[in-house]
PDB file of N, CA and C in Angstrom:
ATOM      1  N   MET A   1     145.175 108.149 152.559  1.00  0.00           N
ATOM      2  CA  MET A   1     145.591 108.932 151.407  1.00  0.00           C
ATOM      3  C   MET A   1     144.874 108.861 150.279  1.00  0.00           C
ATOM      4  N   SER A   2     144.407 109.738 149.223  1.00  0.00           N
ATOM      5  CA  SER A   2     143.146 109.875 148.609  1.00  0.00           C
ATOM      6  C   SER A   2     144.051 108.771 147.132  1.00  0.00           C
ATOM      7  N   GLY A   3     142.957 108.154 146.442  1.00  0.00           N
ATOM      8  CA  GLY A   3     143.677 107.949 145.315  1.00  0.00           C
ATOM      9  C   GLY A   3     142.996 108.065 144.230  1.00  0.00           C
ATOM     10  N   PHE A   4     142.389 109.265 144.283  1.00  0.00           N
ATOM     11  CA  PHE A   4     141.756 110.333 143.233  1.00  0.00           C
ATOM     12  C   PHE A   4     142.820 110.909 142.246  1.00  0.00           C
ATOM     13  N   ILE A   5     142.995 110.337 140.629  1.00  0.00           N
ATOM     14  CA  ILE A   5     143.471 110.926 139.868  1.00  0.00           C
ATOM     15  C   ILE A   5     142.612 111.447 138.600  1.00  0.00           C
ATOM     16  N   ASP A   6     142.932 112.579 138.770  1.00  0.00           N
ATOM     17  CA  ASP A   6     142.429 113.864 137.391  1.00  0.00           C
ATOM     18  C   ASP A   6     142.921 113.009 135.907  1.00  0.00           C
ATOM     19  N   SER A   7     141.561 112.625 135.530  1.00  0.00           N
ATOM     20  CA  SER A   7     142.390 112.493 133.745  1.00  0.00           C
ATOM     21  C   SER A   7     141.902 113.123 132.949  1.00  0.00           C
ATOM     22  N   ARG A   8     141.273 114.167 133.483  1.00  0.00           N
ATOM     23  CA  ARG A   8     141.389 115.570 132.511  1.00  0.00           C
ATOM     24  C   ARG A   8     142.657 115.799 131.930  1.00  0.00           C
ATOM     25  N   PRO A   9     142.886 116.130 130.446  1.00  0.00           N
ATOM     26  CA  PRO A   9     144.145 116.037 130.033  1.00  0.00           C
ATOM     27  C   PRO A   9     144.866 117.658 130.653  1.00  0.00           C
ATOM     28  N   MET A  10     143.617 118.412 130.384  1.00  0.00           N
ATOM     29  CA  MET A  10     144.453 120.046 130.860  1.00  0.00           C
ATOM     30  C   MET A  10     143.344 120.658 131.605  1.00  0.00           C
ATOM     31  N   ILE A  11     143.498 121.351 132.639  1.00  0.00           N
ATOM     32  CA  ILE A  11     142.632 122.382 133.381  1.00  0.00           C
ATOM     33  C   ILE A  11     142.657 123.581 132.755  1.00  0.00           C
ATOM     34  N   VAL A  12     141.629 124.152 132.431  1.00  0.00           N
ATOM     35  CA  VAL A  12     141.770 125.350 131.658  1.00  0.00           C
ATOM     36  C   VAL A  12     141.058 125.980 132.982  1.00  0.00           C
ATOM     37  N   ALA A  13     141.697 127.623 133.228  1.00  0.00           N
ATOM     38  CA  ALA A  13     141.224 128.698 133.607  1.00  0.00           C
ATOM     39  C   ALA A  13     141.230 130.237 132.791  1.00  0.00           C
ATOM     40  N   HIS A  14     139.965 130.767 132.889  1.00  0.00           N
ATOM     41  CA  HIS A  14     140.277 131.838 132.240  1.00  0.00           C
ATOM     42  C   HIS A  14     140.076 133.130 133.030  1.00  0.00           C
ATOM     43  N   LEU A  15     141.595 133.957 133.074  1.00  0.00           N
ATOM     44  CA  LEU A  15     141.658 134.939 133.596  1.00  0.00           C
ATOM     45  C   LEU A  15     141.175 136.046 133.489  1.00  0.00           C
ATOM     46  N   PRO A  16     141.286 137.279 134.227  1.00  0.00           N
ATOM     47  CA  PRO A  16     140.889 138.566 133.655  1.00  0.00           C
ATOM     48  C   PRO A  16     142.387 138.844 132.897  1.00  0.00           C
ATOM     49  N   GLU A  17     141.554 140.253 132.234  1.00  0.00           N
ATOM     50  CA  GLU A  17     142.919 140.892 131.504  1.00  0.00           C
ATOM     51  C   GLU A  17     142.984 139.966 129.933  1.00  0.00           C
ATOM     52  N   GLY A  18     142.565 139.307 129.762  1.00  0.00           N
ATOM     53  CA  GLY A  18     141.887 138.264 128.631  1.00  0.00           C
ATOM     54  C   GLY A  18     143.717 137.282 128.489  1.00  0.00           C
ATOM     55  N   ILE A  19     143.684 136.725 129.762  1.00  0.00           N
ATOM     56  CA  ILE A  19     144.237 135.597 130.343  1.00  0.00           C
ATOM     57  C   ILE A  19     143.614 134.011 130.260  1.00  0.00           C
ATOM     58  N   CYS A  20     144.697 133.463 129.573  1.00  0.00           N
ATOM     59  CA  CYS A  20     143.864 131.756 129.641  1.00  0.00           C
ATOM     60  C   CYS A  20     145.124 131.156 129.864  1.00  0.00           C
ATOM     61  N   ARG A  21     144.903 130.600 131.669  1.00  0.00           N
ATOM     62  CA  ARG A  21     146.232 129.480 131.838  1.00  0.00           C
ATOM     63  C   ARG A  21     145.643 127.918 131.897  1.00  0.00           C
ATOM     64  N   ILE A  22     146.388 127.234 131.531  1.00  0.00           N
ATOM     65  CA  ILE A  22     146.063 126.105 131.081  1.00  0.00           C
ATOM     66  C   ILE A  22     147.412 125.165 131.837  1.00  0.00           C
ATOM     67  N   ARG A  23     146.545 123.599 132.678  1.00  0.00           N
ATOM     68  CA  ARG A  23     147.801 123.111 133.144  1.00  0.00           C
ATOM     69  C   ARG A  23     147.528 121.778 132.764  1.00  0.00           C
ATOM     70  N   ILE A  24     148.815 121.326 132.009  1.00  0.00           N
ATOM     71  CA  ILE A  24     148.475 120.354 131.528  1.00  0.00           C
ATOM     72  C   ILE A  24     148.535 118.767 133.102  1.00  0.00           C
ATOM     73  N   THR A  25     147.820 118.211 132.460  1.00  0.00           N
ATOM     74  CA  THR A  25     147.579 117.498 133.374  1.00  0.00           C
ATOM     75  C   THR A  25     147.930 115.494 132.750  1.00  0.00           C
ATOM     76  N   THR A  26     147.942 115.062 131.503  1.00  0.00           N
ATOM     77  CA  THR A  26     148.718 114.427 130.887  1.00  0.00           C
ATOM     78  C   THR A  26     149.145 113.931 130.222  1.00  0.00           C
ATOM     79  N   GLU A  27     150.280 113.470 130.814  1.00  0.00           N
ATOM     80  CA  GLU A  27     151.751 114.434 129.547  1.00  0.00           C
ATOM     81  C   GLU A  27     151.901 113.620 128.130  1.00  0.00           C
ATOM     82  N   PRO A  28     151.075 112.045 128.101  1.00  0.00           N
ATOM     83  CA  PRO A  28     150.888 111.805 126.504  1.00  0.00           C
ATOM     84  C   PRO A  28     149.780 112.511 125.814  1.00  0.00           C
ATOM     85  N   MET A  29     148.887 113.436 126.465  1.00  0.00           N
ATOM     86  CA  MET A  29     147.659 114.253 125.338  1.00  0.00           C
ATOM     87  C   MET A  29     148.538 115.234 125.230  1.00  0.00           C
ATOM     88  N   PHE A  30     149.471 115.983 125.371  1.00  0.00           N
ATOM     89  CA  PHE A  30     150.342 116.965 125.363  1.00  0.00           C
ATOM     90  C   PHE A  30     151.224 116.586 123.872  1.00  0.00           C
ATOM     91  N   SER A  31     151.774 115.645 123.302  1.00  0.00           N
ATOM     92  CA  SER A  31     152.122 114.825 122.211  1.00  0.00           C
ATOM     93  C   SER A  31     151.261 114.759 121.386  1.00  0.00           C
ATOM     94  N   ARG A  32     150.257 114.434 121.588  1.00  0.00           N
ATOM     95  CA  ARG A  32     149.251 113.682 120.476  1.00  0.00           C
ATOM     96  C   ARG A  32     148.580 115.975 119.372  1.00  0.00           C
ATOM     97  N   SER A  33     148.198 115.021 118.428  1.00  0.00           N
ATOM     98  CA  SER A  33     148.121 116.328 117.356  1.00  0.00           C
ATOM     99  C   SER A  33     147.108 116.684 117.652  1.00  0.00           C
ATOM    100  N   GLU A  34     146.125 116.258 118.560  1.00  0.00           N
ATOM    101  CA  GLU A  34     144.722 117.009 119.039  1.00  0.00           C
ATOM    102  C   GLU A  34     144.622 117.638 120.338  1.00  0.00           C
ATOM    103  N   PHE A  35     145.863 117.807 120.513  1.00  0.00           N
ATOM    104  CA  PHE A  35     146.839 118.584 121.680  1.00  0.00           C
ATOM    105  C   PHE A  35     146.147 120.714 121.359  1.00  0.00           C
ATOM    106  N   VAL A  36     146.752 120.665 120.205  1.00  0.00           N
ATOM    107  CA  VAL A  36     146.758 121.963 119.443  1.00  0.00           C
ATOM    108  C   VAL A  36     145.466 122.315 119.556  1.00  0.00           C
ATOM    109  N   PRO A  37     144.620 121.986 118.914  1.00  0.00           N
ATOM    110  CA  PRO A  37     142.887 122.525 118.801  1.00  0.00           C
ATOM    111  C   PRO A  37     142.293 122.349 120.158  1.00  0.00           C
ATOM    112  N   MET A  38     142.772 121.540 120.632  1.00  0.00           N
ATOM    113  CA  MET A  38     142.413 121.426 122.442  1.00  0.00           C
ATOM    114  C   MET A  38     142.780 122.975 122.922  1.00  0.00           C
ATOM    115  N   VAL A  39     143.198 123.280 122.851  1.00  0.00           N
ATOM    116  CA  VAL A  39     144.309 124.256 123.615  1.00  0.00           C
ATOM    117  C   VAL A  39     143.370 125.523 122.675  1.00  0.00           C
ATOM    118  N   LEU A  40     143.720 126.086 121.725  1.00  0.00           N
ATOM    119  CA  LEU A  40     143.295 127.190 120.969  1.00  0.00           C
ATOM    120  C   LEU A  40     141.785 127.273 121.289  1.00  0.00           C
ATOM    121  N   GLU A  41     140.818 126.210 120.961  1.00  0.00           N
ATOM    122  CA  GLU A  41     139.657 126.106 121.546  1.00  0.00           C
ATOM    123  C   GLU A  41     138.946 126.667 122.783  1.00  0.00           C
ATOM    124  N   SER A  42     140.058 126.539 123.618  1.00  0.00           N
ATOM    125  CA  SER A  42     139.934 126.664 125.212  1.00  0.00           C
ATOM    126  C   SER A  42     140.004 127.636 125.114  1.00  0.00           C
ATOM    127  N   MET A  43     140.652 128.682 124.593  1.00  0.00           N
ATOM    128  CA  MET A  43     140.984 129.967 124.659  1.00  0.00           C
ATOM    129  C   MET A  43     139.097 130.923 124.399  1.00  0.00           C
ATOM    130  N   LEU A  44     139.231 131.965 125.149  1.00  0.00           N
ATOM    131  CA  LEU A  44     137.440 132.431 125.212  1.00  0.00           C
ATOM    132  C   LEU A  44     137.894 133.576 123.616  1.00  0.00           C
ATOM    133  N   GLU A  45     137.176 133.870 123.309  1.00  0.00           N
ATOM    134  CA  GLU A  45     137.460 135.421 122.641  1.00  0.00           C
ATOM    135  C   GLU A  45     137.470 136.566 122.910  1.00  0.00           C
ATOM    136  N   GLY A  46     138.779 137.170 122.139  1.00  0.00           N
ATOM    137  CA  GLY A  46     139.345 138.245 123.243  1.00  0.00           C
ATOM    138  C   GLY A  46     140.656 138.023 123.874  1.00  0.00           C
ATOM    139  N   GLU A  47     140.969 136.362 124.211  1.00  0.00           N
ATOM    140  CA  GLU A  47     141.845 136.445 124.979  1.00  0.00           C
ATOM    141  C   GLU A  47     143.250 136.174 124.710  1.00  0.00           C
ATOM    142  N   ARG A  48     144.154 137.410 124.689  1.00  0.00           N
ATOM    143  CA  ARG A  48     145.477 137.351 123.708  1.00  0.00           C
ATOM    144  C   ARG A  48     146.878 136.390 124.828  1.00  0.00           C
ATOM    145  N   ARG A  49     146.721 136.134 126.026  1.00  0.00           N
ATOM    146  CA  ARG A  49     148.064 135.477 126.620  1.00  0.00           C
ATOM    147  C   ARG A  49     147.167 134.199 127.508  1.00  0.00           C
ATOM    148  N   LEU A  50     148.452 133.325 126.378  1.00  0.00           N
ATOM    149  CA  LEU A  50     147.844 131.878 127.024  1.00  0.00           C
ATOM    150  C   LEU A  50     149.466 131.506 127.994  1.00  0.00           C
ATOM    151  N   ILE A  51     148.736 130.968 129.396  1.00  0.00           N
ATOM    152  CA  ILE A  51     150.032 130.579 129.839  1.00  0.00           C
ATOM    153  C   ILE A  51     149.484 129.428 130.103  1.00  0.00           C
ATOM    154  N   ILE A  52     150.747 128.266 129.769  1.00  0.00           N
ATOM    155  CA  ILE A  52     150.740 126.908 129.859  1.00  0.00           C
ATOM    156  C   ILE A  52     151.700 126.539 131.020  1.00  0.00           C
ATOM    157  N   ASP A  53     150.740 125.606 132.073  1.00  0.00           N
ATOM    158  CA  ASP A  53     151.896 124.941 133.121  1.00  0.00           C
ATOM    159  C   ASP A  53     152.329 123.756 133.092  1.00  0.00           C
ATOM    160  N   LEU A  54     153.472 123.713 132.552  1.00  0.00           N
ATOM    161  CA  LEU A  54     154.065 122.322 132.550  1.00  0.00           C
ATOM    162  C   LEU A  54     154.836 121.654 133.602  1.00  0.00           C
ATOM    163  N   GLY A  55     154.054 122.049 134.739  1.00  0.00           N
ATOM    164  CA  GLY A  55     155.017 121.427 136.256  1.00  0.00           C
ATOM    165  C   GLY A  55     154.746 120.089 136.207  1.00  0.00           C
ATOM    166  N   LEU A  56     153.322 119.268 135.342  1.00  0.00           N
ATOM    167  CA  LEU A  56     153.468 118.036 135.452  1.00  0.00           C
ATOM    168  C   LEU A  56     154.168 116.944 134.650  1.00  0.00           C
ATOM    169  N   VAL A  57     154.806 117.923 133.565  1.00  0.00           N
ATOM    170  CA  VAL A  57     155.250 117.153 132.399  1.00  0.00           C
ATOM    171  C   VAL A  57     156.834 116.959 132.601  1.00  0.00           C
ATOM    172  N   SER A  58     157.115 115.500 132.436  1.00  0.00           N
ATOM    173  CA  SER A  58     158.550 115.382 133.079  1.00  0.00           C
ATOM    174  C   SER A  58     159.377 115.099 132.013  1.00  0.00           C
ATOM    175  N   MET A  59     159.130 115.225 130.708  1.00  0.00           N
ATOM    176  CA  MET A  59     160.201 115.303 129.643  1.00  0.00           C
ATOM    177  C   MET A  59     159.565 115.838 128.414  1.00  0.00           C
ATOM    178  N   LEU A  60     159.788 117.311 127.824  1.00  0.00           N
ATOM    179  CA  LEU A  60     159.495 117.457 126.726  1.00  0.00           C
ATOM    180  C   LEU A  60     159.941 116.689 125.248  1.00  0.00           C
ATOM    181  N   HIS A  61     159.378 116.598 124.664  1.00  0.00           N
ATOM    182  CA  HIS A  61     159.397 115.199 123.158  1.00  0.00           C
ATOM    183  C   HIS A  61     159.329 115.982 121.788  1.00  0.00           C
ATOM    184  N   SER A  62     160.026 115.410 121.156  1.00  0.00           N
ATOM    185  CA  SER A  62     159.706 116.555 119.955  1.00  0.00           C
ATOM    186  C   SER A  62     158.357 116.471 119.381  1.00  0.00           C
ATOM    187  N   PRO A  63     157.462 115.546 119.705  1.00  0.00           N
ATOM    188  CA  PRO A  63     155.727 116.325 119.212  1.00  0.00           C
ATOM    189  C   PRO A  63     155.109 116.958 120.096  1.00  0.00           C
ATOM    190  N   SER A  64     155.853 116.855 121.721  1.00  0.00           N
ATOM    191  CA  SER A  64     154.937 118.184 122.200  1.00  0.00           C
ATOM    192  C   SER A  64     156.204 119.295 122.385  1.00  0.00           C
ATOM    193  N   LEU A  65     157.134 119.466 121.618  1.00  0.00           N
ATOM    194  CA  LEU A  65     157.832 120.662 121.422  1.00  0.00           C
ATOM    195  C   LEU A  65     157.054 120.876 120.383  1.00  0.00           C
ATOM    196  N   ALA A  66     157.136 120.617 119.131  1.00  0.00           N
ATOM    197  CA  ALA A  66     156.142 120.822 118.137  1.00  0.00           C
ATOM    198  C   ALA A  66     154.887 121.442 118.150  1.00  0.00           C
ATOM    199  N   ASN A  67     154.086 120.570 119.403  1.00  0.00           N
ATOM    200  CA  ASN A  67     152.742 121.574 119.442  1.00  0.00           C
ATOM    201  C   ASN A  67     152.789 122.794 120.269  1.00  0.00           C
ATOM    202  N   LEU A  68     153.975 123.108 120.556  1.00  0.00           N
ATOM    203  CA  LEU A  68     154.217 124.161 121.655  1.00  0.00           C
ATOM    204  C   LEU A  68     154.583 125.572 120.469  1.00  0.00           C
ATOM    205  N   VAL A  69     155.312 124.880 119.360  1.00  0.00           N
ATOM    206  CA  VAL A  69     155.435 125.686 118.431  1.00  0.00           C
ATOM    207  C   VAL A  69     154.668 126.392 118.025  1.00  0.00           C
ATOM    208  N   THR A  70     153.489 125.113 117.470  1.00  0.00           N
ATOM    209  CA  THR A  70     152.338 125.765 116.408  1.00  0.00           C
ATOM    210  C   THR A  70     151.392 126.709 117.361  1.00  0.00           C
ATOM    211  N   ILE A  71     151.437 126.149 118.653  1.00  0.00           N
ATOM    212  CA  ILE A  71     149.886 127.121 119.489  1.00  0.00           C
ATOM    213  C   ILE A  71     151.190 128.481 119.676  1.00  0.00           C
ATOM    214  N   HIS A  72     152.755 128.547 119.460  1.00  0.00           N
ATOM    215  CA  HIS A  72     153.026 130.255 119.613  1.00  0.00           C
ATOM    216  C   HIS A  72     152.727 130.543 118.171  1.00  0.00           C
ATOM    217  N   ILE A  73     152.885 130.175 117.050  1.00  0.00           N
ATOM    218  CA  ILE A  73     152.883 130.902 115.246  1.00  0.00           C
ATOM    219  C   ILE A  73     151.120 131.399 115.723  1.00  0.00           C
ATOM    220  N   SER A  74     150.547 130.425 116.095  1.00  0.00           N
ATOM    221  CA  SER A  74     149.026 130.559 115.826  1.00  0.00           C
ATOM    222  C   SER A  74     148.518 131.851 116.784  1.00  0.00           C
ATOM    223  N   LEU A  75     149.065 131.893 118.135  1.00  0.00           N
ATOM    224  CA  LEU A  75     148.890 133.034 118.889  1.00  0.00           C
ATOM    225  C   LEU A  75     149.616 134.453 118.525  1.00  0.00           C
ATOM    226  N   ALA A  76     150.809 134.028 117.845  1.00  0.00           N
ATOM    227  CA  ALA A  76     151.897 135.580 117.288  1.00  0.00           C
ATOM    228  C   ALA A  76     150.601 135.949 116.167  1.00  0.00           C
ATOM    229  N   ARG A  77     150.225 135.047 115.506  1.00  0.00           N
ATOM    230  CA  ARG A  77     149.579 135.733 113.875  1.00  0.00           C
ATOM    231  C   ARG A  77     148.081 136.636 115.117  1.00  0.00           C
ATOM    232  N   ARG A  78     147.579 136.108 115.894  1.00  0.00           N
ATOM    233  CA  ARG A  78     146.844 137.108 116.397  1.00  0.00           C
ATOM    234  C   ARG A  78     146.940 138.181 117.359  1.00  0.00           C
ATOM    235  N   SER A  79     148.357 138.482 117.239  1.00  0.00           N
ATOM    236  CA  SER A  79     148.616 139.367 118.339  1.00  0.00           C
ATOM    237  C   SER A  79     148.820 138.928 119.213  1.00  0.00           C
ATOM    238  N   GLY A  80     149.086 137.590 120.200  1.00  0.00           N
ATOM    239  CA  GLY A  80     148.462 136.830 121.359  1.00  0.00           C
ATOM    240  C   GLY A  80     149.935 136.050 121.829  1.00  0.00           C
ATOM    241  N   GLU A  81     150.196 135.967 123.137  1.00  0.00           N
ATOM    242  CA  GLU A  81     151.491 135.539 123.464  1.00  0.00           C
ATOM    243  C   GLU A  81     151.571 134.649 124.358  1.00  0.00           C
ATOM    244  N   LEU A  82     152.623 133.416 124.428  1.00  0.00           N
ATOM    245  CA  LEU A  82     152.701 132.370 124.510  1.00  0.00           C
ATOM    246  C   LEU A  82     153.764 132.421 125.874  1.00  0.00           C
ATOM    247  N   ILE A  83     153.097 131.823 126.504  1.00  0.00           N
ATOM    248  CA  ILE A  83     154.086 131.902 128.459  1.00  0.00           C
ATOM    249  C   ILE A  83     154.063 130.490 128.589  1.00  0.00           C
ATOM    250  N   LEU A  84     155.586 129.990 129.248  1.00  0.00           N
ATOM    251  CA  LEU A  84     155.406 128.387 129.970  1.00  0.00           C
ATOM    252  C   LEU A  84     156.128 128.842 130.908  1.00  0.00           C
ATOM    253  N   THR A  85     155.515 127.982 131.954  1.00  0.00           N
ATOM    254  CA  THR A  85     155.766 128.387 133.041  1.00  0.00           C
ATOM    255  C   THR A  85     155.769 126.384 133.565  1.00  0.00           C
ATOM    256  N   GLY A  86     156.788 126.887 135.080  1.00  0.00           N
ATOM    257  CA  GLY A  86     156.674 125.625 136.032  1.00  0.00           C
ATOM    258  C   GLY A  86     157.122 124.185 135.174  1.00  0.00           C
ATOM    259  N   LEU A  87     158.529 124.644 134.253  1.00  0.00           N
ATOM    260  CA  LEU A  87     159.062 123.904 133.453  1.00  0.00           C
ATOM    261  C   LEU A  87     160.249 122.954 134.972  1.00  0.00           C
ATOM    262  N   HIS A  88     160.154 121.703 134.667  1.00  0.00           N
ATOM    263  CA  HIS A  88     161.695 121.304 135.302  1.00  0.00           C
ATOM    264  C   HIS A  88     163.025 121.544 134.742  1.00  0.00           C
ATOM    265  N   GLU A  89     164.113 121.327 135.560  1.00  0.00           N
ATOM    266  CA  GLU A  89     165.174 121.677 134.778  1.00  0.00           C
ATOM    267  C   GLU A  89     165.698 121.327 133.789  1.00  0.00           C
ATOM    268  N   LYS A  90     165.090 119.480 134.017  1.00  0.00           N
ATOM    269  CA  LYS A  90     165.528 119.054 132.394  1.00  0.00           C
ATOM    270  C   LYS A  90     164.887 119.581 131.137  1.00  0.00           C
ATOM    271  N   ASN A  91     164.019 120.114 131.515  1.00  0.00           N
ATOM    272  CA  ASN A  91     162.782 120.722 130.753  1.00  0.00           C
ATOM    273  C   ASN A  91     163.580 122.395 129.975  1.00  0.00           C
ATOM    274  N   LEU A  92     164.069 123.037 130.784  1.00  0.00           N
ATOM    275  CA  LEU A  92     164.718 124.232 130.469  1.00  0.00           C
ATOM    276  C   LEU A  92     165.290 123.472 129.598  1.00  0.00           C
ATOM    277  N   ARG A  93     166.641 122.598 130.191  1.00  0.00           N
ATOM    278  CA  ARG A  93     167.670 122.310 129.183  1.00  0.00           C
ATOM    279  C   ARG A  93     167.732 121.926 127.991  1.00  0.00           C
ATOM    280  N   ILE A  94     166.292 121.274 127.845  1.00  0.00           N
ATOM    281  CA  ILE A  94     166.038 120.840 126.418  1.00  0.00           C
ATOM    282  C   ILE A  94     165.158 122.016 125.231  1.00  0.00           C
ATOM    283  N   LEU A  95     164.982 123.120 126.242  1.00  0.00           N
ATOM    284  CA  LEU A  95     164.395 124.017 125.691  1.00  0.00           C
ATOM    285  C   LEU A  95     165.639 125.088 125.117  1.00  0.00           C
ATOM    286  N   ALA A  96     166.898 124.934 125.885  1.00  0.00           N
ATOM    287  CA  ALA A  96     168.212 125.437 125.454  1.00  0.00           C
ATOM    288  C   ALA A  96     168.872 124.573 123.884  1.00  0.00           C
ATOM    289  N   ILE A  97     169.038 123.879 124.223  1.00  0.00           N
ATOM    290  CA  ILE A  97     169.603 122.860 123.369  1.00  0.00           C
ATOM    291  C   ILE A  97     168.744 122.837 121.729  1.00  0.00           C
ATOM    292  N   THR A  98     167.605 123.461 122.213  1.00  0.00           N
ATOM    293  CA  THR A  98     167.162 123.090 120.652  1.00  0.00           C
ATOM    294  C   THR A  98     166.803 124.816 120.499  1.00  0.00           C
ATOM    295  N   LYS A  99     167.491 125.386 121.209  1.00  0.00           N
ATOM    296  CA  LYS A  99     167.506 126.673 120.932  1.00  0.00           C
ATOM    297  C   LYS A  99     165.885 127.445 120.868  1.00  0.00           C
ATOM    298  N   LEU A 100     164.814 126.867 121.582  1.00  0.00           N
ATOM    299  CA  LEU A 100     163.574 127.570 121.508  1.00  0.00           C
ATOM    300  C   LEU A 100     163.641 128.064 122.719  1.00  0.00           C
ATOM    301  N   ASP A 101     164.528 128.337 123.822  1.00  0.00           N
ATOM    302  CA  ASP A 101     164.147 129.309 124.592  1.00  0.00           C
ATOM    303  C   ASP A 101     164.212 130.601 124.194  1.00  0.00           C
ATOM    304  N   ARG A 102     164.686 130.828 123.117  1.00  0.00           N
ATOM    305  CA  ARG A 102     165.081 132.047 122.577  1.00  0.00           C
ATOM    306  C   ARG A 102     163.127 132.051 121.803  1.00  0.00           C
ATOM    307  N   LEU A 103     162.536 131.498 121.685  1.00  0.00           N
ATOM    308  CA  LEU A 103     161.441 131.804 120.870  1.00  0.00           C
ATOM    309  C   LEU A 103     160.252 131.735 121.957  1.00  0.00           C
ATOM    310  N   PHE A 104     160.069 131.102 123.229  1.00  0.00           N
ATOM    311  CA  PHE A 104     159.424 130.879 124.167  1.00  0.00           C
ATOM    312  C   PHE A 104     159.409 131.713 125.634  1.00  0.00           C
ATOM    313  N   THR A 105     158.419 132.914 125.757  1.00  0.00           N
ATOM    314  CA  THR A 105     158.726 133.462 127.069  1.00  0.00           C
ATOM    315  C   THR A 105     158.885 132.194 128.106  1.00  0.00           C
ATOM    316  N   VAL A 106     159.480 132.029 128.923  1.00  0.00           N
ATOM    317  CA  VAL A 106     159.912 131.274 130.158  1.00  0.00           C
ATOM    318  C   VAL A 106     159.307 131.898 131.249  1.00  0.00           C
ATOM    319  N   GLN A 107     158.509 131.293 132.530  1.00  0.00           N
ATOM    320  CA  GLN A 107     158.343 132.132 133.643  1.00  0.00           C
ATOM    321  C   GLN A 107     158.735 131.296 134.466  1.00  0.00           C
ATOM    322  N   PRO A 108     159.590 131.665 135.708  1.00  0.00           N
ATOM    323  CA  PRO A 108     159.356 130.055 136.802  1.00  0.00           C
ATOM    324  C   PRO A 108     158.240 129.927 136.934  1.00  0.00           C
ATOM    325  N   ASN A 109     157.676 130.286 137.809  1.00  0.00           N
ATOM    326  CA  ASN A 109     156.421 129.797 138.614  1.00  0.00           C
ATOM    327  C   ASN A 109     155.113 131.330 138.291  1.00  0.00           C
ATOM    328  N   LEU A 110     154.219 131.215 138.019  1.00  0.00           N
ATOM    329  CA  LEU A 110     152.946 132.042 137.930  1.00  0.00           C
ATOM    330  C   LEU A 110     151.639 131.246 138.100  1.00  0.00           C
TER     331      LEU A 110
END
């Protein structure tokens, strides 16, 4: 069995039709203040849709939720859209409890 560990905080893919897809690979980075600028700078000019894959994030904490709200607001100002995917059941409950499920577009698996 391989011992390979990807140490990048996120993997970015630029897809057709103005879509940027980001997979979070290290949970601690997701909660840090540097995360928002990293995400927004990863998007190419003209990309309006951002898909963030949270499949490797075991628990959404207050700082990570705040980061997602900040990203959502920033994209909304640019007529963009934030889509969350890959959420574990526990994280879906956290979004429901905080009523953030009304703010974010959540897709099971994209």
